[in-house]
Protein backbone atom coordinates (compact mmCIF):
# COMPACT_ATOMS: atom_id res chain seq x y z
CA MET A 1 -0.26 -0.07 0.05
CA SER A 2 1.16 3.58 -1.20
CA SER A 3 2.42 5.97 1.49
CA ALA A 4 -0.14 8.37 0.25
CA ARG A 5 -3.12 5.88 0.38
CA ILE A 6 -2.23 4.83 3.82
CA GLU A 7 -1.83 9.19 4.58
CA THR A 8 -5.69 9.28 2.92
CA LEU A 9 -6.96 5.92 4.62
CA LYS A 10 -5.93 7.56 8.25
CA ALA A 11 -7.07 11.54 7.37
CA TYR A 12 -10.64 9.53 6.76
CA LYS A 13 -10.03 7.19 9.99
CA ASN A 14 -10.06 10.57 12.14
CA ARG A 15 -13.03 12.68 11.06
CA ILE A 16 -14.78 9.01 11.22
CA GLN A 17 -14.00 9.61 14.57
CA GLY A 18 -15.34 12.70 14.96
CA ALA A 19 -18.32 12.54 13.18
CA TYR A 20 -19.99 10.51 15.51
CA GLY A 21 -21.35 13.50 17.87
CA SER A 22 -23.20 14.49 14.33
CA GLN A 23 -25.19 10.72 14.94
CA LEU A 24 -26.28 12.30 18.62
CA SER A 25 -28.88 14.87 17.16
CA THR A 26 -30.68 12.14 15.90
CA VAL A 27 -30.25 10.46 19.01
CA ALA A 28 -31.56 12.57 20.64
CA ALA A 29 -34.89 12.95 18.70
CA LEU A 30 -35.62 9.58 19.26
CA ILE A 31 -35.50 9.99 23.09
CA VAL A 32 -37.23 12.93 22.30
CA LEU A 33 -39.95 11.65 20.54
CA CYS A 34 -39.91 8.41 22.36
CA LEU A 35 -41.21 10.48 26.07
CA ILE A 36 -43.78 12.47 24.06
CA LEU A 37 -45.27 9.39 22.73
CA SER A 38 -45.15 7.76 25.79
CA ILE A 39 -47.14 11.08 27.73
CA LEU A 40 -49.80 10.98 24.56
CA THR A 41 -50.84 7.55 24.48
CA PRO A 42 -49.72 4.65 26.93
CA ARG A 43 -49.79 2.25 24.50
CA PHE A 44 -46.50 3.49 23.70
CA LEU A 45 -44.18 2.03 26.05
CA THR A 46 -45.31 -1.60 26.66
CA THR A 47 -42.70 -4.10 25.89
CA GLY A 48 -45.06 -6.12 23.23
CA ASN A 49 -45.17 -2.60 21.18
CA ILE A 50 -41.68 -1.89 21.52
CA ILE A 51 -40.50 -5.54 19.80
CA SER A 52 -43.42 -4.90 17.21
CA VAL A 53 -41.51 -1.55 16.40
CA LEU A 54 -37.83 -3.24 16.46
CA LEU A 55 -39.70 -6.03 14.06
CA GLN A 56 -41.43 -3.44 11.93
CA SER A 57 -37.96 -1.18 11.45
CA SER A 58 -35.56 -4.21 10.85
CA ILE A 59 -36.43 -4.91 6.85
CA ASN A 60 -36.24 -1.08 6.34
CA SER A 61 -32.92 -0.98 8.13
CA ILE A 62 -31.23 -4.00 5.97
CA LEU A 63 -32.46 -2.31 3.06
CA ALA A 64 -30.96 0.90 4.29
CA LEU A 65 -27.45 -0.41 5.41
CA GLY A 66 -26.35 -1.33 1.97
CA MET A 67 -27.65 2.06 1.08
CA THR A 68 -25.30 3.66 3.43
CA PHE A 69 -22.08 2.12 2.01
CA ILE A 70 -23.18 3.61 -1.06
CA ILE A 71 -24.46 7.26 -0.01
CA ILE A 72 -21.29 7.36 2.20
CA THR A 73 -19.97 7.56 -1.75
CA GLY A 74 -21.89 10.21 -3.35
CA ASN A 75 -24.30 7.99 -4.78
CA ILE A 76 -27.21 6.83 -4.55
CA ASP A 77 -29.77 3.40 -5.81
CA LEU A 78 -33.29 3.90 -6.36
CA ALA A 79 -33.78 0.73 -7.17
CA VAL A 80 -33.59 -1.12 -3.60
CA GLY A 81 -37.27 -2.00 -3.49
CA SER A 82 -37.53 -3.83 -7.22
CA VAL A 83 -33.91 -5.33 -6.49
CA ALA A 84 -35.51 -7.03 -3.16
CA ALA A 85 -38.77 -7.59 -5.01
CA PHE A 86 -36.15 -9.27 -7.88
CA ALA A 87 -35.18 -11.69 -5.42
CA GLY A 88 -37.57 -12.53 -3.47
CA SER A 89 -40.62 -13.02 -5.83
CA ILE A 90 -38.62 -15.17 -8.08
CA THR A 91 -37.20 -17.23 -4.96
CA GLY A 92 -40.53 -17.99 -3.76
CA PHE A 93 -42.55 -18.52 -7.00
CA LEU A 94 -39.70 -21.46 -7.52
CA MET A 95 -39.89 -22.55 -4.11
CA VAL A 96 -43.65 -22.94 -3.78
CA ASN A 97 -44.56 -23.77 -7.99
CA TYR A 98 -41.47 -26.24 -8.37
CA GLY A 99 -40.29 -27.44 -4.87
CA LEU A 100 -36.46 -25.65 -4.82
CA ASN A 101 -35.23 -26.77 -1.92
CA PRO A 102 -35.50 -23.58 0.56
CA PHE A 103 -31.67 -23.45 1.30
CA LEU A 104 -30.89 -23.63 -2.58
CA GLY A 105 -33.54 -20.77 -2.55
CA ILE A 106 -31.86 -18.48 0.06
CA LEU A 107 -28.69 -19.18 -1.37
CA LEU A 108 -30.35 -17.45 -5.11
CA ALA A 109 -32.20 -14.83 -3.47
CA LEU A 110 -28.68 -13.58 -2.10
CA SER A 111 -27.09 -14.22 -5.00
CA LEU A 112 -29.78 -12.59 -7.78
CA GLY A 113 -29.53 -9.49 -5.36
CA THR A 114 -25.39 -9.03 -5.53
CA LEU A 115 -25.59 -9.74 -9.49
CA THR A 116 -27.72 -6.96 -9.36
CA GLY A 117 -25.80 -4.90 -7.76
CA LEU A 118 -22.75 -6.23 -9.94
CA ILE A 119 -24.47 -5.14 -13.29
CA SER A 120 -25.56 -1.65 -11.61
CA GLY A 121 -21.54 -1.02 -10.36
CA LEU A 122 -20.43 -2.59 -13.71
CA VAL A 123 -22.64 -0.05 -15.97
CA ILE A 124 -22.35 3.15 -13.59
CA THR A 125 -17.97 2.69 -13.20
CA SER A 126 -17.85 1.20 -16.80
CA ILE A 127 -19.90 3.30 -18.97
CA GLY A 128 -19.90 6.68 -16.95
CA ILE A 129 -23.98 6.41 -16.00
CA PRO A 130 -24.36 8.53 -13.06
CA ALA A 131 -26.18 6.42 -10.16
CA PHE A 132 -29.09 8.07 -10.05
CA ILE A 133 -30.15 7.61 -13.49
CA ALA A 134 -28.92 4.05 -13.89
CA THR A 135 -30.26 2.91 -10.99
CA LEU A 136 -33.51 4.88 -11.76
CA GLY A 137 -33.84 2.83 -15.07
CA SER A 138 -32.52 -0.55 -13.53
CA MET A 139 -35.19 -0.15 -10.73
CA SER A 140 -38.01 -0.73 -14.06
CA VAL A 141 -35.66 -3.25 -15.37
CA TRP A 142 -35.90 -5.39 -11.90
CA ARG A 143 -39.29 -5.16 -11.45
CA GLY A 144 -40.46 -5.54 -14.82
CA LEU A 145 -38.47 -9.02 -14.74
CA ALA A 146 -39.97 -10.02 -11.29
CA LEU A 147 -43.65 -9.46 -12.81
CA GLN A 148 -42.60 -10.75 -15.88
CA PHE A 149 -41.03 -14.53 -14.31
CA THR A 150 -43.48 -14.97 -11.99
CA GLY A 151 -46.28 -13.88 -14.19
CA GLY A 152 -47.61 -11.04 -11.77
CA SER A 153 -49.11 -13.95 -9.21
CA THR A 154 -48.69 -14.24 -5.50
CA SER A 155 -46.94 -17.29 -3.79
CA PHE A 156 -48.50 -18.01 -0.88
CA GLY A 157 -47.56 -20.86 1.52
CA LEU A 158 -43.43 -20.60 1.77
CA PRO A 159 -41.13 -23.09 3.25
CA GLU A 160 -40.97 -23.54 7.38
CA ILE A 161 -37.04 -21.24 7.24
CA ILE A 162 -37.72 -19.07 5.31
CA LYS A 163 -41.13 -17.94 7.46
CA TYR A 164 -38.82 -18.22 10.59
CA LEU A 165 -36.35 -16.35 8.63
CA GLY A 166 -39.46 -13.20 8.99
CA GLN A 167 -41.38 -14.28 11.80
CA GLY A 168 -39.13 -16.67 14.34
CA TYR A 169 -38.32 -15.42 17.75
CA VAL A 170 -34.92 -16.79 20.10
CA GLY A 171 -36.23 -16.28 23.17
CA PRO A 172 -38.96 -12.94 22.95
CA ILE A 173 -36.45 -11.22 20.53
CA PRO A 174 -37.99 -11.40 16.69
CA VAL A 175 -35.23 -13.03 14.28
CA PRO A 176 -35.47 -10.32 11.94
CA VAL A 177 -34.05 -8.15 14.68
CA ILE A 178 -31.47 -10.51 15.50
CA ILE A 179 -30.35 -10.77 11.87
CA THR A 180 -30.32 -6.46 11.73
CA VAL A 181 -28.04 -6.51 14.97
CA ILE A 182 -25.40 -9.25 13.17
CA VAL A 183 -25.30 -7.16 9.77
CA TYR A 184 -25.14 -4.13 11.37
CA SER A 185 -22.29 -6.04 13.82
CA ILE A 186 -20.48 -7.03 10.61
CA ALA A 187 -21.13 -3.68 8.24
CA SER A 188 -19.78 -1.58 11.39
CA PHE A 189 -16.39 -3.62 11.48
CA ILE A 190 -16.01 -3.47 7.46
CA LEU A 191 -16.67 0.16 7.27
CA GLY A 192 -14.91 1.51 10.27
CA LYS A 193 -11.96 -0.88 10.73
CA THR A 194 -11.09 -2.02 7.50
CA PRO A 195 -8.90 -0.44 4.48
CA PHE A 196 -12.11 -1.08 1.98
CA GLY A 197 -14.00 0.43 4.18
CA LEU A 198 -11.63 3.66 4.66
CA SER A 199 -11.52 3.82 0.82
CA THR A 200 -15.26 3.97 0.76
CA TYR A 201 -14.99 7.44 3.06
CA ALA A 202 -12.61 8.88 0.50
CA ILE A 203 -14.78 8.12 -2.45
CA GLY A 204 -17.34 10.02 -1.15
CA GLY A 205 -14.84 12.32 0.21
CA ASN A 206 -12.77 13.28 -3.02
CA GLU A 207 -13.32 11.39 -5.64
CA GLN A 208 -10.04 12.39 -7.92
CA ALA A 209 -7.62 12.45 -4.30
CA ALA A 210 -8.83 9.27 -3.34
CA HIS A 211 -7.80 7.99 -7.24
CA LEU A 212 -5.09 9.53 -6.99
CA SER A 213 -3.67 8.33 -3.59
CA GLY A 214 -3.80 4.69 -5.25
CA ILE A 215 -7.56 3.56 -4.30
CA ASN A 216 -9.04 1.62 -6.93
CA VAL A 217 -11.73 3.94 -7.17
CA LYS A 218 -13.97 1.34 -9.72
CA SER A 219 -13.28 -1.85 -7.81
CA VAL A 220 -14.49 -0.12 -4.58
CA LYS A 221 -17.54 1.32 -5.99
CA VAL A 222 -18.16 -2.40 -7.95
CA LYS A 223 -18.26 -4.92 -4.68
CA LEU A 224 -19.79 -1.64 -2.87
CA PHE A 225 -22.71 -2.38 -5.01
CA CYS A 226 -22.49 -5.97 -5.20
CA LEU A 227 -22.37 -5.75 -1.20
CA HIS A 228 -25.96 -3.30 -1.40
CA GLY A 229 -27.33 -6.19 -3.90
CA PHE A 230 -26.60 -8.85 -1.36
CA LEU A 231 -28.46 -6.98 1.81
CA SER A 232 -31.20 -6.36 -0.89
CA GLY A 233 -31.79 -9.43 -1.61
CA LEU A 234 -31.51 -10.76 2.06
CA GLY A 235 -33.82 -7.87 2.93
CA GLY A 236 -36.25 -9.25 0.26
CA LEU A 237 -35.74 -12.60 2.16
CA VAL A 238 -36.69 -11.74 5.30
CA LEU A 239 -40.37 -9.47 3.74
CA ALA A 240 -41.09 -12.81 2.12
CA GLY A 241 -40.90 -15.07 5.49
CA ARG A 242 -42.74 -12.27 7.11
CA LEU A 243 -45.91 -12.24 5.06
CA ASN A 244 -45.36 -15.78 4.31
CA SER A 245 -45.75 -14.58 0.26
CA THR A 246 -43.66 -12.96 -2.98
CA MET A 247 -45.43 -11.11 -5.37
CA GLY A 248 -43.46 -9.18 -7.89
CA VAL A 249 -45.36 -5.54 -6.38
CA MET A 250 -43.61 -6.35 -3.07
CA ALA A 251 -41.32 -4.13 -1.55
CA THR A 252 -42.78 -0.75 -3.28
CA GLY A 253 -41.63 2.32 -2.21
CA TYR A 254 -38.99 0.80 0.23
CA GLU A 255 -36.37 2.42 -2.08
CA LEU A 256 -37.60 6.29 -0.05
CA ASP A 257 -38.16 4.78 3.31
CA ALA A 258 -34.07 3.29 2.88
CA ILE A 259 -32.84 6.73 1.63
CA ALA A 260 -35.02 8.32 4.83
CA ALA A 261 -33.17 6.11 6.86
CA VAL A 262 -29.67 6.96 6.20
CA VAL A 263 -30.40 10.36 5.84
CA ILE A 264 -31.90 10.97 9.23
CA GLY A 265 -29.07 8.77 10.53
CA GLY A 266 -26.48 11.41 9.55
CA THR A 267 -25.23 10.35 6.99
CA SER A 268 -24.63 13.05 4.40
CA MET A 269 -26.00 13.40 0.68
CA PHE A 270 -22.50 15.09 -0.27
CA GLY A 271 -20.71 12.25 0.65
CA GLY A 272 -18.13 10.99 2.80
CA GLU A 273 -19.57 11.23 6.19
CA GLY A 274 -21.94 8.82 8.20
CA ILE A 275 -21.86 5.72 10.33
CA VAL A 276 -24.05 1.91 10.19
CA TRP A 277 -25.22 2.42 13.90
CA GLY A 278 -26.96 5.95 12.62
CA THR A 279 -28.45 4.43 9.93
CA LEU A 280 -29.98 1.81 12.14
CA VAL A 281 -31.05 4.42 14.51
CA GLY A 282 -32.84 6.27 11.97
CA ALA A 283 -34.59 3.40 10.77
CA VAL A 284 -35.70 3.01 13.80
CA LEU A 285 -37.04 6.51 14.87
CA MET A 286 -39.19 6.62 11.05
CA GLY A 287 -40.26 2.76 13.00
CA VAL A 288 -41.11 4.41 16.25
CA LEU A 289 -43.13 7.74 14.14
CA ARG A 290 -44.90 5.51 12.58
CA ASN A 291 -46.60 3.13 15.08
CA GLY A 292 -47.23 5.98 17.30
CA LEU A 293 -48.97 7.77 14.48
CA ASN A 294 -50.72 4.76 14.13
CA LEU A 295 -51.98 4.48 18.31
CA LEU A 296 -52.79 8.27 17.86
CA HIS A 297 -55.00 7.32 14.84
CA VAL A 298 -52.86 9.57 12.83
CA SER A 299 -54.43 9.52 9.12
CA PRO A 300 -51.79 7.67 6.83
CA TYR A 301 -51.73 10.08 4.53
CA TRP A 302 -50.60 12.46 7.50
CA GLN A 303 -47.49 10.06 7.94
CA MET A 304 -46.74 10.32 4.54
CA VAL A 305 -46.29 14.19 4.99
CA ALA A 306 -44.34 13.57 8.64
CA ILE A 307 -42.52 11.61 7.19
CA GLY A 308 -41.41 13.81 3.92
CA LEU A 309 -40.83 17.02 6.22
CA VAL A 310 -38.61 15.47 8.66
CA ILE A 311 -36.10 14.01 5.80
CA VAL A 312 -36.21 17.10 4.54
CA PHE A 313 -34.95 18.37 8.08
CA ALA A 314 -32.43 16.02 8.13
CA VAL A 315 -30.97 16.90 4.51
CA SER A 316 -31.31 20.72 5.98
CA VAL A 317 -29.43 20.55 8.95
CA ASP A 318 -26.59 18.49 6.89
CA SER A 319 -26.71 21.21 4.80
CA LEU A 320 -26.10 24.32 6.93
CA ARG A 321 -23.67 22.28 9.07
CA ARG A 322 -21.64 21.75 5.82
CA SER A 323 -21.96 25.55 5.07
CA PHE A 324 -21.19 26.64 9.06
CA ASP A 325 -18.04 24.05 8.80
CA GLU A 326 -16.77 26.13 5.12
């Protein structure tokens, strides 16, 4: 590893350590929101409701985790919901209608997700198409292929192992929550403790400088999109198990929730800053907000307004902070 690359990675490691403070506002907002909801409705701070919030937040958390890596590089992926549907619905269709072994089905879903990420990464890095445009197009491609392959049908009655991924419990803790904690722990280590993770921050901070310091920018980007696709496939599996069914229209709109969780969690849309645990807090905050509004019998349409305002506020805070830093 060249000395220039080592210095670049060290600089970004120091920047990461200093950036943890920016996530504290999200944690504070989550605590305040929980306190307010506990006052407004006594049903909020019950054990069952808290577990329900964590369970409902788990799928978005998994999908948002891969998105965190992408946004840290200054890119975005609009196809995450379509990829989850593509991997989950095709796998479910084959297991229900053709008796595909469920363990092979799990491997297939993860492989299909990874394949979509590989294709997106190669298109973006080799052809030079902006990630926004490339994934906007692939959002329709993967969704269309999912619907075409399944004939627009719904596959009910998935194997027990798939249901366990979405509905199982280990003691009082839902399996999706356990999966979420495991993947976040691994991702946190990769992003904060490995040269690959530090290269991700370097690319988001200044792609040209990262290239000049010896980082293979194209290779890192392709690997990141593969990782994102893998996690999207995993999210599709967990969602399939939760529903005990798959269909080509599953996970519609999930890309917006994933992006929202990342932004609310403190990852900068301008790239170069963010931590995975912040994304997890952002996803949980969204889950708490939706759950609280449901308990208060607020219209789903006003819930959409509330989530949109939170996203705009989070991006505005990031923009203002950057302007003050400059």
